[in-house]
Amino acid sequence: APTCPRCDTPLAHGRVAGRTTVWCPHCQPG
């Protein structure tokens, strides 16, 4: 799985407005 380049946490992913988005749950809570 891809990891955050800043903190090396595994990235989370989900669908928003019909698009797939990926974010870091550590750097971007919620």
N, C-alpha and C. Protein backbone atom coordinates (compact mmCIF):
# COMPACT_ATOMS: atom_id res chain seq x y z
N ALA A 1 0.85 -1.20 0.00
CA ALA A 1 0.00 0.00 0.00
C ALA A 1 0.89 1.25 0.00
N PRO A 2 0.45 2.31 -0.67
CA PRO A 2 1.23 3.55 -0.67
C PRO A 2 1.29 4.15 0.73
N THR A 3 2.36 4.84 1.01
CA THR A 3 2.52 5.47 2.31
C THR A 3 2.77 6.96 2.14
N CYS A 4 2.51 7.69 3.19
CA CYS A 4 2.69 9.14 3.17
C CYS A 4 4.17 9.48 3.09
N PRO A 5 4.59 10.31 2.14
CA PRO A 5 6.00 10.67 2.02
C PRO A 5 6.51 11.47 3.22
N ARG A 6 5.59 12.07 3.97
CA ARG A 6 5.99 12.89 5.11
C ARG A 6 6.23 12.06 6.36
N CYS A 7 5.32 11.11 6.63
CA CYS A 7 5.39 10.40 7.90
C CYS A 7 5.42 8.88 7.76
N ASP A 8 5.33 8.38 6.50
CA ASP A 8 5.42 6.96 6.21
C ASP A 8 4.24 6.15 6.76
N THR A 9 3.14 6.83 7.07
CA THR A 9 1.93 6.14 7.50
C THR A 9 1.20 5.61 6.27
N PRO A 10 0.67 4.39 6.32
CA PRO A 10 -0.12 3.88 5.19
C PRO A 10 -1.29 4.81 4.90
N LEU A 11 -1.48 5.12 3.63
CA LEU A 11 -2.53 6.05 3.25
C LEU A 11 -3.89 5.40 3.31
N ALA A 12 -4.88 6.20 3.65
CA ALA A 12 -6.27 5.78 3.61
C ALA A 12 -6.87 6.24 2.28
N HIS A 13 -7.98 5.60 1.87
CA HIS A 13 -8.62 6.02 0.63
C HIS A 13 -10.12 5.87 0.75
N GLY A 14 -10.84 6.63 -0.05
CA GLY A 14 -12.28 6.59 -0.04
C GLY A 14 -12.82 7.32 -1.24
N ARG A 15 -14.15 7.30 -1.36
CA ARG A 15 -14.77 7.96 -2.50
C ARG A 15 -15.46 9.24 -2.03
N VAL A 16 -15.17 10.33 -2.74
CA VAL A 16 -15.77 11.62 -2.44
C VAL A 16 -16.27 12.20 -3.75
N ALA A 17 -17.57 12.49 -3.80
CA ALA A 17 -18.17 13.07 -5.00
C ALA A 17 -17.89 12.22 -6.24
N GLY A 18 -17.88 10.90 -6.07
CA GLY A 18 -17.71 10.01 -7.20
C GLY A 18 -16.27 9.82 -7.62
N ARG A 19 -15.34 10.45 -6.89
CA ARG A 19 -13.93 10.31 -7.21
C ARG A 19 -13.22 9.61 -6.07
N THR A 20 -12.16 8.89 -6.39
CA THR A 20 -11.37 8.25 -5.35
C THR A 20 -10.31 9.22 -4.86
N THR A 21 -10.29 9.42 -3.55
CA THR A 21 -9.29 10.31 -2.97
C THR A 21 -8.44 9.51 -1.99
N VAL A 22 -7.21 9.94 -1.83
CA VAL A 22 -6.28 9.29 -0.92
C VAL A 22 -5.74 10.34 0.03
N TRP A 23 -5.63 9.98 1.28
CA TRP A 23 -5.12 10.94 2.26
C TRP A 23 -4.38 10.18 3.36
N CYS A 24 -3.61 10.92 4.12
CA CYS A 24 -2.88 10.35 5.25
C CYS A 24 -3.69 10.58 6.52
N PRO A 25 -4.12 9.51 7.19
CA PRO A 25 -4.92 9.67 8.41
C PRO A 25 -4.12 10.29 9.56
N HIS A 26 -2.79 10.29 9.46
CA HIS A 26 -1.96 10.89 10.51
C HIS A 26 -1.79 12.39 10.26
N CYS A 27 -1.49 12.76 9.02
CA CYS A 27 -1.27 14.17 8.71
C CYS A 27 -2.59 14.92 8.52
N GLN A 28 -3.62 14.18 8.09
CA GLN A 28 -4.92 14.81 7.86
C GLN A 28 -5.99 14.02 8.61
N PRO A 29 -6.14 14.23 9.92
CA PRO A 29 -7.17 13.49 10.68
C PRO A 29 -8.56 13.73 10.11
N GLY A 30 -9.34 12.65 10.06
CA GLY A 30 -10.68 12.76 9.52
C GLY A 30 -10.71 12.58 8.02
